[in-house]
C-alpha atoms as a PDB file:
ATOM      1  CA  MET A   1     -12.853  22.250   3.204  1.00  0.00           C
ATOM      2  CA  ASN A   2     -13.629  19.845   5.994  1.00  0.00           C
ATOM      3  CA  ARG A   3     -13.519  16.074   5.714  1.00  0.00           C
ATOM      4  CA  MET A   4     -17.292  15.819   5.074  1.00  0.00           C
ATOM      5  CA  GLN A   5     -16.925  18.181   2.108  1.00  0.00           C
ATOM      6  CA  LEU A   6     -13.965  16.385   0.753  1.00  0.00           C
ATOM      7  CA  GLY A   7     -15.853  13.605  -1.104  1.00  0.00           C
ATOM      8  CA  ALA A   8     -17.931  15.997  -3.100  1.00  0.00           C
ATOM      9  CA  ALA A   9     -14.846  18.053  -3.927  1.00  0.00           C
ATOM     10  CA  LEU A  10     -13.068  14.896  -5.166  1.00  0.00           C
ATOM     11  CA  ARG A  11     -16.051  14.089  -7.328  1.00  0.00           C
ATOM     12  CA  GLU A  12     -16.067  17.533  -8.838  1.00  0.00           C
ATOM     13  CA  LEU A  13     -12.353  17.302  -9.517  1.00  0.00           C
ATOM     14  CA  ARG A  14     -12.748  13.885 -11.214  1.00  0.00           C
ATOM     15  CA  GLN A  15     -15.559  15.153 -13.388  1.00  0.00           C
ATOM     16  CA  ALA A  16     -13.627  18.315 -14.328  1.00  0.00           C
ATOM     17  CA  ALA A  17     -10.747  16.062 -15.418  1.00  0.00           C
ATOM     18  CA  GLY A  18     -13.133  14.067 -17.563  1.00  0.00           C
ATOM     19  CA  LYS A  19     -12.335  10.820 -15.727  1.00  0.00           C
ATOM     20  CA  GLU A  20     -14.931   8.044 -15.386  1.00  0.00           C
ATOM     21  CA  ALA A  21     -15.546   6.808 -11.872  1.00  0.00           C
ATOM     22  CA  LYS A  22     -14.878   3.181 -12.867  1.00  0.00           C
ATOM     23  CA  ALA A  23     -11.444   4.074 -14.252  1.00  0.00           C
ATOM     24  CA  VAL A  24     -10.452   6.175 -11.250  1.00  0.00           C
ATOM     25  CA  ALA A  25     -11.546   3.452  -8.794  1.00  0.00           C
ATOM     26  CA  ARG A  26      -9.535   0.843 -10.673  1.00  0.00           C
ATOM     27  CA  SER A  27      -6.451   2.927 -10.747  1.00  0.00           C
ATOM     28  CA  ALA A  28      -6.940   3.874  -7.093  1.00  0.00           C
ATOM     29  CA  VAL A  29      -7.201   0.163  -6.167  1.00  0.00           C
ATOM     30  CA  MET A  30     -10.623   0.434  -4.653  1.00  0.00           C
ATOM     31  CA  SER A  31     -14.110  -0.717  -5.495  1.00  0.00           C
ATOM     32  CA  ARG A  32     -16.404   1.464  -7.575  1.00  0.00           C
ATOM     33  CA  SER A  33     -18.857   1.240  -4.657  1.00  0.00           C
ATOM     34  CA  LYS A  34     -16.321   2.620  -2.197  1.00  0.00           C
ATOM     35  CA  LEU A  35     -15.502   5.540  -4.504  1.00  0.00           C
ATOM     36  CA  SER A  36     -19.134   6.292  -4.839  1.00  0.00           C
ATOM     37  CA  LYS A  37     -19.607   6.309  -1.057  1.00  0.00           C
ATOM     38  CA  ILE A  38     -16.614   8.625  -0.633  1.00  0.00           C
ATOM     39  CA  GLU A  39     -17.900  11.029  -3.283  1.00  0.00           C
ATOM     40  CA  THR A  40     -21.392  11.135  -1.816  1.00  0.00           C
ATOM     41  CA  GLY A  41     -20.128  11.615   1.736  1.00  0.00           C
ATOM     42  CA  LYS A  42     -21.390   8.291   3.034  1.00  0.00           C
ATOM     43  CA  VAL A  43     -17.820   7.219   3.873  1.00  0.00           C
ATOM     44  CA  SER A  44     -15.085   9.535   5.176  1.00  0.00           C
ATOM     45  CA  PRO A  45     -11.944   8.894   3.149  1.00  0.00           C
ATOM     46  CA  THR A  46      -8.595   8.157   4.739  1.00  0.00           C
ATOM     47  CA  VAL A  47      -5.417  10.013   3.858  1.00  0.00           C
ATOM     48  CA  VAL A  48      -4.340   7.028   1.765  1.00  0.00           C
ATOM     49  CA  ASP A  49      -7.733   6.956  -0.080  1.00  0.00           C
ATOM     50  CA  VAL A  50      -7.460  10.629  -0.954  1.00  0.00           C
ATOM     51  CA  GLU A  51      -3.924  10.334  -2.200  1.00  0.00           C
ATOM     52  CA  ARG A  52      -4.726   7.341  -4.364  1.00  0.00           C
ATOM     53  CA  ILE A  53      -7.770   9.076  -5.839  1.00  0.00           C
ATOM     54  CA  LEU A  54      -5.890  12.242  -6.621  1.00  0.00           C
ATOM     55  CA  THR A  55      -3.090  10.246  -8.196  1.00  0.00           C
ATOM     56  CA  ALA A  56      -5.657   8.290 -10.294  1.00  0.00           C
ATOM     57  CA  ILE A  57      -7.201  11.564 -11.442  1.00  0.00           C
ATOM     58  CA  GLY A  58      -3.762  12.736 -12.456  1.00  0.00           C
ATOM     59  CA  VAL A  59      -3.579  16.184 -10.779  1.00  0.00           C
ATOM     60  CA  SER A  60      -0.423  18.102  -9.987  1.00  0.00           C
ATOM     61  CA  GLU A  61       1.151  18.390  -6.605  1.00  0.00           C
ATOM     62  CA  GLU A  62      -0.011  21.943  -6.336  1.00  0.00           C
ATOM     63  CA  VAL A  63      -3.607  20.940  -6.958  1.00  0.00           C
ATOM     64  CA  LYS A  64      -3.328  18.050  -4.527  1.00  0.00           C
ATOM     65  CA  SER A  65      -2.211  20.211  -1.589  1.00  0.00           C
ATOM     66  CA  PRO A  66      -5.577  21.559  -0.276  1.00  0.00           C
ATOM     67  CA  TYR A  67      -7.161  18.152  -0.593  1.00  0.00           C
ATOM     68  CA  MET A  68      -4.393  16.492   1.347  1.00  0.00           C
ATOM     69  CA  VAL A  69      -4.601  19.159   4.026  1.00  0.00           C
ATOM     70  CA  ALA A  70      -8.209  18.369   4.560  1.00  0.00           C
ATOM     71  CA  ALA A  71      -7.534  14.608   4.610  1.00  0.00           C
ATOM     72  CA  ARG A  72      -4.863  15.138   7.252  1.00  0.00           C
ATOM     73  CA  ALA A  73      -7.301  16.940   9.550  1.00  0.00           C
ATOM     74  CA  GLN A  74      -7.232  13.734  11.530  1.00  0.00           C
ATOM     75  CA  ALA A  75      -3.537  13.145  11.983  1.00  0.00           C
ATOM     76  CA  THR A  76      -3.589   9.457  12.902  1.00  0.00           C
ATOM     77  CA  GLU A  77      -5.893   6.728  11.480  1.00  0.00           C
ATOM     78  CA  ALA A  78      -6.189   3.103  12.458  1.00  0.00           C
ATOM     79  CA  THR A  79      -7.299   0.280  10.216  1.00  0.00           C
ATOM     80  CA  ALA A  80      -7.967  -2.969  12.119  1.00  0.00           C
ATOM     81  CA  TRP A  81      -6.524  -6.118  10.557  1.00  0.00           C
ATOM     82  CA  ARG A  82      -9.955  -7.740  10.657  1.00  0.00           C
ATOM     83  CA  LEU A  83     -11.085  -5.114   8.150  1.00  0.00           C
ATOM     84  CA  VAL A  84      -8.078  -5.905   5.956  1.00  0.00           C
ATOM     85  CA  ARG A  85      -8.943  -9.541   6.124  1.00  0.00           C
ATOM     86  CA  ARG A  86     -12.505  -8.643   5.007  1.00  0.00           C
ATOM     87  CA  LEU A  87     -11.094  -6.634   2.102  1.00  0.00           C
ATOM     88  CA  GLY A  88      -8.619  -9.311   1.231  1.00  0.00           C
ATOM     89  CA  HIS A  89      -4.883  -9.219   1.970  1.00  0.00           C
ATOM     90  CA  HIS A  90      -4.064  -9.359  -1.723  1.00  0.00           C
ATOM     91  CA  ARG A  91      -6.082  -6.148  -2.227  1.00  0.00           C
ATOM     92  CA  LYS A  92      -4.181  -4.545   0.659  1.00  0.00           C
ATOM     93  CA  GLN A  93      -0.912  -5.418  -1.094  1.00  0.00           C
ATOM     94  CA  GLN A  94      -2.223  -3.786  -4.298  1.00  0.00           C
ATOM     95  CA  GLN A  95      -3.071  -0.659  -2.367  1.00  0.00           C
ATOM     96  CA  ILE A  96       0.423  -0.568  -0.848  1.00  0.00           C
ATOM     97  CA  LYS A  97       1.897  -0.990  -4.390  1.00  0.00           C
ATOM     98  CA  ALA A  98      -0.051   2.065  -5.475  1.00  0.00           C
ATOM     99  CA  LEU A  99       1.602   3.979  -2.664  1.00  0.00           C
ATOM    100  CA  ASP A 100       5.011   2.541  -3.452  1.00  0.00           C
ATOM    101  CA  ASP A 101       4.607   3.737  -7.117  1.00  0.00           C
ATOM    102  CA  SER A 102       4.064   7.327  -5.934  1.00  0.00           C
ATOM    103  CA  THR A 103       6.925   7.329  -3.423  1.00  0.00           C
ATOM    104  CA  ARG A 104      10.353   8.728  -4.279  1.00  0.00           C
ATOM    105  CA  LEU A 105      12.058   8.176  -0.930  1.00  0.00           C
ATOM    106  CA  LEU A 106      11.078   5.062   1.014  1.00  0.00           C
ATOM    107  CA  ARG A 107      12.521   4.442   4.462  1.00  0.00           C
ATOM    108  CA  VAL A 108      11.723   1.061   6.150  1.00  0.00           C
ATOM    109  CA  PHE A 109      12.666   0.163   9.738  1.00  0.00           C
ATOM    110  CA  GLN A 110      12.232  -3.468  10.754  1.00  0.00           C
ATOM    111  CA  PRO A 111      13.147  -5.056  14.072  1.00  0.00           C
ATOM    112  CA  SER A 112      11.131  -8.264  13.529  1.00  0.00           C
ATOM    113  CA  LEU A 113      10.797  -9.303   9.817  1.00  0.00           C
ATOM    114  CA  VAL A 114      12.658  -8.967   6.516  1.00  0.00           C
ATOM    115  CA  PRO A 115      10.977  -5.997   4.757  1.00  0.00           C
ATOM    116  CA  GLY A 116       8.380  -7.034   2.285  1.00  0.00           C
ATOM    117  CA  LEU A 117      10.207  -5.617  -0.794  1.00  0.00           C
ATOM    118  CA  LEU A 118      13.153  -7.877   0.052  1.00  0.00           C
ATOM    119  CA  GLN A 119      11.346 -11.115   0.857  1.00  0.00           C
ATOM    120  CA  THR A 120      11.730 -14.316  -1.131  1.00  0.00           C
ATOM    121  CA  PRO A 121       8.564 -16.177  -2.226  1.00  0.00           C
ATOM    122  CA  GLU A 122       9.024 -18.756   0.488  1.00  0.00           C
ATOM    123  CA  TYR A 123       9.454 -16.156   3.147  1.00  0.00           C
ATOM    124  CA  VAL A 124       6.387 -14.249   1.959  1.00  0.00           C
ATOM    125  CA  ARG A 125       4.281 -17.423   2.109  1.00  0.00           C
ATOM    126  CA  ALA A 126       5.530 -18.003   5.663  1.00  0.00           C
ATOM    127  CA  VAL A 127       4.635 -14.485   6.736  1.00  0.00           C
ATOM    128  CA  PHE A 128       1.102 -14.611   5.426  1.00  0.00           C
ATOM    129  CA  GLY A 129       0.692 -18.308   6.302  1.00  0.00           C
ATOM    130  CA  ARG A 130       0.396 -17.174   9.909  1.00  0.00           C
ATOM    131  CA  ARG A 131      -2.923 -15.462   9.112  1.00  0.00           C
ATOM    132  CA  SER A 132      -4.878 -18.668   8.498  1.00  0.00           C
ATOM    133  CA  LEU A 133      -5.749 -17.741   4.889  1.00  0.00           C
ATOM    134  CA  GLY A 134      -7.309 -20.228   2.489  1.00  0.00           C
ATOM    135  CA  GLU A 135      -4.861 -21.560  -0.132  1.00  0.00           C
ATOM    136  CA  GLU A 136      -6.314 -19.481  -2.947  1.00  0.00           C
ATOM    137  CA  GLN A 137      -6.264 -16.285  -0.873  1.00  0.00           C
ATOM    138  CA  LEU A 138      -2.735 -17.063   0.342  1.00  0.00           C
ATOM    139  CA  SER A 139      -1.505 -17.545  -3.218  1.00  0.00           C
ATOM    140  CA  ARG A 140      -3.098 -14.328  -4.418  1.00  0.00           C
ATOM    141  CA  THR A 141      -1.652 -12.471  -1.511  1.00  0.00           C
ATOM    142  CA  VAL A 142       1.894 -13.873  -2.096  1.00  0.00           C
ATOM    143  CA  ALA A 143       1.677 -12.973  -5.843  1.00  0.00           C
ATOM    144  CA  ALA A 144       0.520  -9.396  -4.946  1.00  0.00           C
ATOM    145  CA  ARG A 145       3.374  -8.879  -2.540  1.00  0.00           C
ATOM    146  CA  LEU A 146       5.913 -10.155  -5.048  1.00  0.00           C
ATOM    147  CA  ALA A 147       4.383  -7.773  -7.701  1.00  0.00           C
ATOM    148  CA  ARG A 148       5.200  -4.901  -5.320  1.00  0.00           C
ATOM    149  CA  GLN A 149       8.906  -5.812  -5.629  1.00  0.00           C
ATOM    150  CA  GLU A 150       9.084  -4.199  -9.064  1.00  0.00           C
ATOM    151  CA  SER A 151       9.718  -0.957  -7.109  1.00  0.00           C
ATOM    152  CA  LEU A 152      13.016  -2.379  -5.957  1.00  0.00           C
ATOM    153  CA  TYR A 153      14.413  -1.968  -9.488  1.00  0.00           C
ATOM    154  CA  ASP A 154      13.099   1.513 -10.160  1.00  0.00           C
ATOM    155  CA  ALA A 155      16.289   3.582 -10.189  1.00  0.00           C
ATOM    156  CA  THR A 156      14.326   6.881  -9.910  1.00  0.00           C
ATOM    157  CA  LYS A 157      13.506   5.943  -6.280  1.00  0.00           C
ATOM    158  CA  THR A 158      15.760   5.924  -3.202  1.00  0.00           C
ATOM    159  CA  LEU A 159      15.077   2.941  -0.997  1.00  0.00           C
ATOM    160  CA  ARG A 160      16.533   2.740   2.491  1.00  0.00           C
ATOM    161  CA  PHE A 161      16.124  -0.228   4.806  1.00  0.00           C
ATOM    162  CA  VAL A 162      17.303  -0.603   8.360  1.00  0.00           C
ATOM    163  CA  MET A 163      16.893  -3.939  10.107  1.00  0.00           C
ATOM    164  CA  THR A 164      18.035  -5.183  13.485  1.00  0.00           C
ATOM    165  CA  GLU A 165      20.286  -8.283  13.585  1.00  0.00           C
ATOM    166  CA  PRO A 166      17.665 -10.520  15.149  1.00  0.00           C
ATOM    167  CA  VAL A 167      15.638 -10.284  11.988  1.00  0.00           C
ATOM    168  CA  LEU A 168      18.287 -12.369  10.248  1.00  0.00           C
ATOM    169  CA  HIS A 169      18.056 -15.111  12.945  1.00  0.00           C
ATOM    170  CA  TRP A 170      14.267 -15.335  13.216  1.00  0.00           C
ATOM    171  CA  ARG A 171      13.512 -18.643  11.545  1.00  0.00           C
ATOM    172  CA  LEU A 172      10.204 -18.287   9.835  1.00  0.00           C
ATOM    173  CA  VAL A 173      11.429 -20.799   7.163  1.00  0.00           C
ATOM    174  CA  PRO A 174      13.889 -23.728   7.290  1.00  0.00           C
ATOM    175  CA  PRO A 175      17.656 -22.986   7.301  1.00  0.00           C
ATOM    176  CA  ALA A 176      18.231 -23.516   3.624  1.00  0.00           C
ATOM    177  CA  MET A 177      15.420 -21.058   2.831  1.00  0.00           C
ATOM    178  CA  MET A 178      16.787 -18.573   5.337  1.00  0.00           C
ATOM    179  CA  ALA A 179      20.119 -18.824   3.466  1.00  0.00           C
ATOM    180  CA  GLY A 180      18.275 -18.041   0.264  1.00  0.00           C
ATOM    181  CA  GLN A 181      16.517 -15.142   1.952  1.00  0.00           C
ATOM    182  CA  LEU A 182      19.926 -13.621   3.047  1.00  0.00           C
ATOM    183  CA  ASP A 183      21.265 -14.073  -0.434  1.00  0.00           C
ATOM    184  CA  ARG A 184      18.252 -12.143  -1.719  1.00  0.00           C
ATOM    185  CA  ILE A 185      19.121  -9.212   0.650  1.00  0.00           C
ATOM    186  CA  LEU A 186      22.788  -9.376  -0.398  1.00  0.00           C
ATOM    187  CA  SER A 187      21.785  -9.105  -4.068  1.00  0.00           C
ATOM    188  CA  ALA A 188      19.461  -6.150  -3.439  1.00  0.00           C
ATOM    189  CA  SER A 189      22.144  -4.393  -1.445  1.00  0.00           C
ATOM    190  CA  ARG A 190      24.265  -3.968  -4.531  1.00  0.00           C
ATOM    191  CA  LEU A 191      21.628  -1.934  -6.389  1.00  0.00           C
ATOM    192  CA  PRO A 192      22.954   1.646  -6.530  1.00  0.00           C
ATOM    193  CA  HIS A 193      19.708   3.309  -5.350  1.00  0.00           C
ATOM    194  CA  VAL A 194      19.206   0.816  -2.490  1.00  0.00           C
ATOM    195  CA  ASP A 195      20.762   1.229   0.946  1.00  0.00           C
ATOM    196  CA  ILE A 196      20.437  -1.688   3.358  1.00  0.00           C
ATOM    197  CA  ARG A 197      21.766  -1.507   6.893  1.00  0.00           C
ATOM    198  CA  ILE A 198      21.864  -3.944   9.805  1.00  0.00           C
ATOM    199  CA  VAL A 199      21.951  -2.831  13.429  1.00  0.00           C
ATOM    200  CA  PRO A 200      24.305  -5.367  15.178  1.00  0.00           C
ATOM    201  CA  LEU A 201      23.404  -6.740  18.554  1.00  0.00           C
ATOM    202  CA  ALA A 202      26.909  -5.887  19.745  1.00  0.00           C
ATOM    203  CA  ALA A 203      26.474  -2.135  18.923  1.00  0.00           C
ATOM    204  CA  ARG A 204      25.849   0.164  21.861  1.00  0.00           C
ATOM    205  CA  GLN A 205      22.417   1.800  21.526  1.00  0.00           C
ATOM    206  CA  SER A 206      20.722   4.802  23.110  1.00  0.00           C
ATOM    207  CA  ASP A 207      17.234   3.859  21.739  1.00  0.00           C
ATOM    208  CA  VAL A 208      14.976   0.794  21.550  1.00  0.00           C
ATOM    209  CA  PRO A 209      13.262  -0.602  18.393  1.00  0.00           C
ATOM    210  CA  ALA A 210       9.711  -0.843  19.684  1.00  0.00           C
ATOM    211  CA  HIS A 211       8.050  -1.678  16.312  1.00  0.00           C
ATOM    212  CA  SER A 212       8.439  -1.502  12.550  1.00  0.00           C
ATOM    213  CA  PHE A 213       7.460   1.493  10.519  1.00  0.00           C
ATOM    214  CA  VAL A 214       7.631   2.800   6.898  1.00  0.00           C
ATOM    215  CA  ILE A 215       8.184   6.444   5.970  1.00  0.00           C
ATOM    216  CA  ARG A 216       7.015   7.539   2.505  1.00  0.00           C
ATOM    217  CA  ASP A 217       8.828  10.662   1.474  1.00  0.00           C
ATOM    218  CA  ASP A 218       8.125  13.154   4.304  1.00  0.00           C
ATOM    219  CA  ARG A 219       4.351  12.873   4.046  1.00  0.00           C
ATOM    220  CA  MET A 220       3.264   9.648   5.727  1.00  0.00           C
ATOM    221  CA  VAL A 221       4.282   6.943   8.157  1.00  0.00           C
ATOM    222  CA  THR A 222       2.605   3.570   8.420  1.00  0.00           C
ATOM    223  CA  VAL A 223       2.999   1.506  11.629  1.00  0.00           C
ATOM    224  CA  GLU A 224       1.910  -2.114  12.062  1.00  0.00           C
ATOM    225  CA  THR A 225       0.627  -3.025  15.533  1.00  0.00           C
ATOM    226  CA  VAL A 226      -0.822  -6.287  16.686  1.00  0.00           C
ATOM    227  CA  HIS A 227      -4.474  -5.301  15.959  1.00  0.00           C
ATOM    228  CA  ALA A 228      -4.205  -2.575  13.352  1.00  0.00           C
ATOM    229  CA  GLU A 229      -2.170  -0.519  10.906  1.00  0.00           C
ATOM    230  CA  LEU A 230      -1.758   3.111  11.868  1.00  0.00           C
ATOM    231  CA  THR A 231      -1.302   5.878   9.306  1.00  0.00           C
ATOM    232  CA  VAL A 232       0.436   9.013  10.622  1.00  0.00           C
ATOM    233  CA  THR A 233       0.428  12.208   8.551  1.00  0.00           C
ATOM    234  CA  ASP A 234       0.997  15.140  10.926  1.00  0.00           C
ATOM    235  CA  PRO A 235       4.450  16.552   9.753  1.00  0.00           C
ATOM    236  CA  ARG A 236       5.525  16.842  13.378  1.00  0.00           C
ATOM    237  CA  ASP A 237       4.928  13.137  14.016  1.00  0.00           C
ATOM    238  CA  VAL A 238       6.463  12.146  10.708  1.00  0.00           C
ATOM    239  CA  GLU A 239       9.572  13.999  11.804  1.00  0.00           C
ATOM    240  CA  VAL A 240       9.681  11.958  15.060  1.00  0.00           C
ATOM    241  CA  TYR A 241       9.827   8.746  12.951  1.00  0.00           C
ATOM    242  CA  ALA A 242      12.453  10.185  10.613  1.00  0.00           C
ATOM    243  CA  ARG A 243      14.742  11.016  13.568  1.00  0.00           C
ATOM    244  CA  LYS A 244      14.252   7.508  15.019  1.00  0.00           C
ATOM    245  CA  PHE A 245      15.100   5.981  11.597  1.00  0.00           C
ATOM    246  CA  ASP A 246      18.271   8.167  11.274  1.00  0.00           C
ATOM    247  CA  GLY A 247      19.304   7.311  14.882  1.00  0.00           C
ATOM    248  CA  PHE A 248      19.374   3.577  14.082  1.00  0.00           C
ATOM    249  CA  ALA A 249      20.875   4.085  10.620  1.00  0.00           C
ATOM    250  CA  VAL A 250      24.018   5.761  12.011  1.00  0.00           C
ATOM    251  CA  THR A 251      24.676   2.776  14.416  1.00  0.00           C
ATOM    252  CA  ALA A 252      24.035   0.187  11.700  1.00  0.00           C
ATOM    253  CA  ALA A 253      26.503  -1.729   9.601  1.00  0.00           C
ATOM    254  CA  CYS A 254      26.383  -0.828   5.899  1.00  0.00           C
ATOM    255  CA  GLY A 255      28.196  -1.616   2.663  1.00  0.00           C
ATOM    256  CA  ASP A 256      30.864  -4.315   2.747  1.00  0.00           C
ATOM    257  CA  GLU A 257      30.674  -4.619   6.571  1.00  0.00           C
ATOM    258  CA  MET A 258      26.962  -5.307   6.362  1.00  0.00           C
ATOM    259  CA  ARG A 259      27.492  -7.838   3.602  1.00  0.00           C
ATOM    260  CA  ARG A 260      30.146  -9.717   5.580  1.00  0.00           C
ATOM    261  CA  MET A 261      27.683  -9.979   8.483  1.00  0.00           C
ATOM    262  CA  LEU A 262      24.950 -11.341   6.181  1.00  0.00           C
ATOM    263  CA  GLU A 263      27.427 -13.792   4.560  1.00  0.00           C
ATOM    264  CA  ALA A 264      28.523 -15.118   7.945  1.00  0.00           C
ATOM    265  CA  ILE A 265      24.955 -15.744   9.121  1.00  0.00           C
ATOM    266  CA  ARG A 266      24.040 -17.258   5.732  1.00  0.00           C
ATOM    267  CA  ASP A 267      27.016 -19.628   5.869  1.00  0.00           C
ATOM    268  CA  GLY A 268      25.888 -20.698   9.289  1.00  0.00           C
ATOM    269  CA  TYR A 269      22.451 -21.719   7.853  1.00  0.00           C
ATOM    270  CA  LEU A 270      24.163 -23.575   4.949  1.00  0.00           C
ATOM    271  CA  GLY A 271      26.467 -25.348   7.378  1.00  0.00           C
ATOM    272  CA  GLU A 272      23.424 -26.748   9.201  1.00  0.00           C
ATOM    273  CA  GLN A 273      22.288 -28.302   5.903  1.00  0.00           C
ATOM    274  CA  GLY A 274      25.723 -29.747   5.041  1.00  0.00           C
ATOM    275  CA  PHE A 275      26.463 -27.233   2.257  1.00  0.00           C
ATOM    276  CA  PRO A 276      29.942 -25.678   1.969  1.00  0.00           C
ATOM    277  CA  SER A 277      30.203 -22.028   3.064  1.00  0.00           C
ATOM    278  CA  GLY A 278      29.140 -19.559   0.358  1.00  0.00           C
ATOM    279  CA  SER A 279      27.260 -22.150  -1.744  1.00  0.00           C
ATOM    280  CA  ALA A 280      23.461 -22.233  -1.902  1.00  0.00           C
ATOM    281  CA  PRO A 281      21.370 -25.385  -2.494  1.00  0.00           C
ATOM    282  CA  GLU A 282      19.994 -25.859  -6.012  1.00  0.00           C
END
């Protein structure tokens, strides 16, 4: 099937499963109107739309396959941030949560910010506070991102994070809050299914960070640029990102070495506030 036929095929699949459109739309984190437009061919669905709809319908991976092939006919998609703002950043976070819930292996590379799943409430507020959101919208967005962090404690998943050392020094929040943020990362690093690594500035490198990206299993990569979020689904391109992730992972500090690095930087923040090393403010 081509992308124009995909909407009608999804509608037939939903009806065959006996699922109401309203329920599928709610589970897929989209409006009933958007689902209707997809099913009637008025809107061409993205790869993420198709995956969420299929997951909401509850079909097997085998049944999903031909639909995802059709969705991936366009290997790279871009969603401008202005469209996300129109949708609502809290809704975008809910959509990402739906993707997180269906992901078994999550790989996150970040050269600029602490990854969303590891952020403290104060850090989350600082991140989204840059977007000039109203207070109500900001609060809803912060709450939606924090709700995503339930995935961090799902032991059926494997979560891998690679950050560059400058992330730990980039002061989006005051020193005491940065110390709390690093404590949050330290705590998460002790979860058995979570692997957190830091690429030290002193380590010799053969590559450059360029930008952040997230790999979901081996099926999808999302990349945040200044103006848009890119979704990459061509397996050949996904593999390029996987190799880049692995290249930085092998040069990164991990385990106790990584924790000693975090503790030293955290203690520096605490020292600026007059707190003894290793003690966080109440």
